[in-house]
Amino acid sequence: MSTLNETEREIAVTAHDLPLHCPRPGAPLWARHPRVFLDVLKNDETICPYCGTKYRFSGEKPKGHH
């Protein structure tokens, strides 16, 4: 994730951002909710059940365990 803008409701993530959780580091205090880990690899996108932010995976998927 090159730039973090918590006002965006759709965020592109890469293998570097895994394991993916929401809220992301650097989120303003008012945007915080309990941390939830999200599986973005299964369908190439997922939505946070707390805030509704959509995470979309881009790039090469990791192979095996990482």
N, C-alpha and C. Protein backbone atom coordinates (compact mmCIF):
# COMPACT_ATOMS: atom_id res chain seq x y z
N MET A 1 0.85 -1.16 0.00
CA MET A 1 0.00 0.00 0.00
C MET A 1 0.89 1.22 0.00
N SER A 2 0.93 1.95 -1.08
CA SER A 2 1.85 3.06 -1.19
C SER A 2 1.44 4.25 -0.35
N THR A 3 0.17 4.62 -0.39
CA THR A 3 -0.29 5.74 0.41
C THR A 3 -1.49 5.30 1.22
N LEU A 4 -1.55 5.76 2.45
CA LEU A 4 -2.64 5.42 3.33
C LEU A 4 -3.54 6.63 3.47
N ASN A 5 -4.76 6.51 2.99
CA ASN A 5 -5.74 7.58 3.11
C ASN A 5 -7.00 6.95 3.68
N GLU A 6 -7.21 7.12 4.97
CA GLU A 6 -8.33 6.46 5.64
C GLU A 6 -9.69 7.04 5.25
N THR A 7 -9.72 8.11 4.48
CA THR A 7 -11.00 8.62 4.02
C THR A 7 -11.49 7.86 2.80
N GLU A 8 -10.60 7.10 2.15
CA GLU A 8 -10.99 6.28 1.00
C GLU A 8 -11.74 5.07 1.50
N ARG A 9 -12.73 4.64 0.76
CA ARG A 9 -13.50 3.47 1.14
C ARG A 9 -13.07 2.24 0.35
N GLU A 10 -12.12 2.37 -0.58
CA GLU A 10 -11.57 1.24 -1.29
C GLU A 10 -10.05 1.38 -1.30
N ILE A 11 -9.38 0.34 -0.84
CA ILE A 11 -7.93 0.39 -0.69
C ILE A 11 -7.31 -0.79 -1.42
N ALA A 12 -6.31 -0.51 -2.26
CA ALA A 12 -5.57 -1.57 -2.96
C ALA A 12 -4.47 -2.07 -2.04
N VAL A 13 -4.35 -3.39 -1.94
CA VAL A 13 -3.32 -4.01 -1.12
C VAL A 13 -2.52 -5.00 -1.96
N THR A 14 -1.31 -5.29 -1.52
CA THR A 14 -0.44 -6.24 -2.19
C THR A 14 0.00 -7.30 -1.19
N ALA A 15 0.81 -8.24 -1.64
CA ALA A 15 1.31 -9.30 -0.77
C ALA A 15 2.10 -8.73 0.40
N HIS A 16 2.70 -7.56 0.22
CA HIS A 16 3.47 -6.91 1.28
C HIS A 16 2.58 -6.54 2.46
N ASP A 17 1.29 -6.32 2.25
CA ASP A 17 0.36 -5.89 3.29
C ASP A 17 -0.26 -7.06 4.07
N LEU A 18 0.10 -8.29 3.71
CA LEU A 18 -0.49 -9.45 4.37
C LEU A 18 0.28 -9.79 5.63
N PRO A 19 -0.33 -10.30 6.67
CA PRO A 19 -1.76 -10.52 6.82
C PRO A 19 -2.50 -9.19 6.94
N LEU A 20 -3.62 -9.11 6.29
CA LEU A 20 -4.40 -7.88 6.21
C LEU A 20 -5.34 -7.75 7.40
N HIS A 21 -5.33 -6.57 8.01
CA HIS A 21 -6.26 -6.30 9.09
C HIS A 21 -6.80 -4.89 8.97
N CYS A 22 -7.94 -4.67 9.56
CA CYS A 22 -8.57 -3.35 9.58
C CYS A 22 -8.91 -3.05 11.03
N PRO A 23 -8.69 -1.83 11.52
CA PRO A 23 -8.19 -0.67 10.81
C PRO A 23 -6.69 -0.78 10.55
N ARG A 24 -6.25 -0.10 9.50
CA ARG A 24 -4.84 -0.10 9.11
C ARG A 24 -4.03 0.79 10.05
N PRO A 25 -2.73 0.52 10.18
CA PRO A 25 -1.87 1.40 10.98
C PRO A 25 -1.96 2.83 10.47
N GLY A 26 -2.01 3.76 11.36
CA GLY A 26 -2.08 5.16 10.98
C GLY A 26 -3.49 5.69 10.86
N ALA A 27 -4.48 4.86 11.11
CA ALA A 27 -5.86 5.34 11.05
C ALA A 27 -6.09 6.35 12.16
N PRO A 28 -6.83 7.41 11.89
CA PRO A 28 -7.10 8.39 12.95
C PRO A 28 -7.90 7.74 14.08
N LEU A 29 -7.78 8.28 15.26
CA LEU A 29 -8.43 7.71 16.43
C LEU A 29 -9.94 7.56 16.24
N TRP A 30 -10.57 8.52 15.60
CA TRP A 30 -12.02 8.44 15.41
C TRP A 30 -12.44 7.30 14.48
N ALA A 31 -11.52 6.81 13.66
CA ALA A 31 -11.84 5.75 12.69
C ALA A 31 -11.48 4.36 13.22
N ARG A 32 -11.08 4.26 14.46
CA ARG A 32 -10.65 2.97 15.01
C ARG A 32 -11.86 2.13 15.41
N HIS A 33 -11.71 0.84 15.23
CA HIS A 33 -12.68 -0.14 15.70
C HIS A 33 -11.89 -1.38 16.09
N PRO A 34 -12.51 -2.40 16.67
CA PRO A 34 -11.74 -3.60 17.01
C PRO A 34 -11.03 -4.17 15.78
N ARG A 35 -9.81 -4.62 15.98
CA ARG A 35 -9.03 -5.16 14.86
C ARG A 35 -9.65 -6.47 14.37
N VAL A 36 -9.79 -6.56 13.06
CA VAL A 36 -10.32 -7.75 12.44
C VAL A 36 -9.39 -8.12 11.29
N PHE A 37 -9.01 -9.41 11.21
CA PHE A 37 -8.17 -9.87 10.11
C PHE A 37 -9.05 -10.30 8.95
N LEU A 38 -8.66 -9.93 7.73
CA LEU A 38 -9.48 -10.13 6.54
C LEU A 38 -8.76 -11.01 5.53
N ASP A 39 -9.50 -11.91 4.89
CA ASP A 39 -8.95 -12.79 3.86
C ASP A 39 -9.21 -12.18 2.49
N VAL A 40 -8.23 -11.46 1.97
CA VAL A 40 -8.37 -10.78 0.69
C VAL A 40 -7.95 -11.68 -0.47
N LEU A 41 -7.29 -12.78 -0.20
CA LEU A 41 -6.79 -13.65 -1.27
C LEU A 41 -7.86 -14.58 -1.85
N LYS A 42 -8.87 -14.91 -1.08
CA LYS A 42 -9.87 -15.87 -1.53
C LYS A 42 -10.61 -15.39 -2.77
N ASN A 43 -11.08 -14.15 -2.76
CA ASN A 43 -11.85 -13.60 -3.89
C ASN A 43 -11.23 -12.34 -4.48
N ASP A 44 -9.99 -12.05 -4.13
CA ASP A 44 -9.27 -10.84 -4.57
C ASP A 44 -9.84 -9.55 -4.00
N GLU A 45 -10.87 -9.64 -3.17
CA GLU A 45 -11.37 -8.45 -2.48
C GLU A 45 -12.17 -8.89 -1.26
N THR A 46 -12.28 -7.99 -0.30
CA THR A 46 -13.05 -8.25 0.91
C THR A 46 -13.51 -6.92 1.48
N ILE A 47 -14.51 -6.98 2.33
CA ILE A 47 -15.06 -5.77 2.95
C ILE A 47 -14.99 -5.93 4.46
N CYS A 48 -14.54 -4.88 5.14
CA CYS A 48 -14.47 -4.89 6.59
C CYS A 48 -15.89 -4.88 7.15
N PRO A 49 -16.21 -5.83 8.05
CA PRO A 49 -17.56 -5.87 8.61
C PRO A 49 -17.87 -4.71 9.55
N TYR A 50 -16.85 -4.01 10.05
CA TYR A 50 -17.08 -2.90 10.97
C TYR A 50 -17.31 -1.57 10.25
N CYS A 51 -16.41 -1.23 9.32
CA CYS A 51 -16.48 0.11 8.72
C CYS A 51 -16.88 0.10 7.25
N GLY A 52 -16.91 -1.07 6.62
CA GLY A 52 -17.34 -1.15 5.23
C GLY A 52 -16.26 -0.83 4.22
N THR A 53 -15.02 -0.61 4.66
CA THR A 53 -13.94 -0.34 3.72
C THR A 53 -13.69 -1.57 2.86
N LYS A 54 -13.57 -1.37 1.55
CA LYS A 54 -13.31 -2.47 0.63
C LYS A 54 -11.82 -2.53 0.36
N TYR A 55 -11.26 -3.73 0.51
CA TYR A 55 -9.85 -3.98 0.22
C TYR A 55 -9.79 -4.84 -1.03
N ARG A 56 -9.01 -4.39 -2.01
CA ARG A 56 -8.87 -5.10 -3.28
C ARG A 56 -7.40 -5.50 -3.45
N PHE A 57 -7.16 -6.81 -3.67
CA PHE A 57 -5.80 -7.30 -3.84
C PHE A 57 -5.34 -7.09 -5.27
N SER A 58 -4.10 -6.63 -5.41
CA SER A 58 -3.51 -6.48 -6.74
C SER A 58 -2.08 -7.01 -6.70
N GLY A 59 -1.61 -7.49 -7.83
CA GLY A 59 -0.26 -8.02 -7.91
C GLY A 59 -0.25 -9.52 -7.81
N GLU A 60 0.95 -10.06 -7.62
CA GLU A 60 1.15 -11.51 -7.57
C GLU A 60 0.82 -12.03 -6.18
N LYS A 61 0.05 -13.10 -6.14
CA LYS A 61 -0.31 -13.72 -4.86
C LYS A 61 0.88 -14.50 -4.32
N PRO A 62 1.03 -14.51 -3.00
CA PRO A 62 2.12 -15.29 -2.40
C PRO A 62 1.87 -16.78 -2.61
N LYS A 63 2.94 -17.54 -2.67
CA LYS A 63 2.84 -18.98 -2.86
C LYS A 63 3.26 -19.67 -1.57
N GLY A 64 2.48 -20.61 -1.10
CA GLY A 64 2.81 -21.33 0.13
C GLY A 64 2.66 -20.46 1.35
N HIS A 65 3.30 -20.86 2.41
CA HIS A 65 3.24 -20.10 3.67
C HIS A 65 4.15 -18.90 3.56
N HIS A 66 3.75 -17.84 4.22
CA HIS A 66 4.63 -16.66 4.33
C HIS A 66 4.47 -16.03 5.68
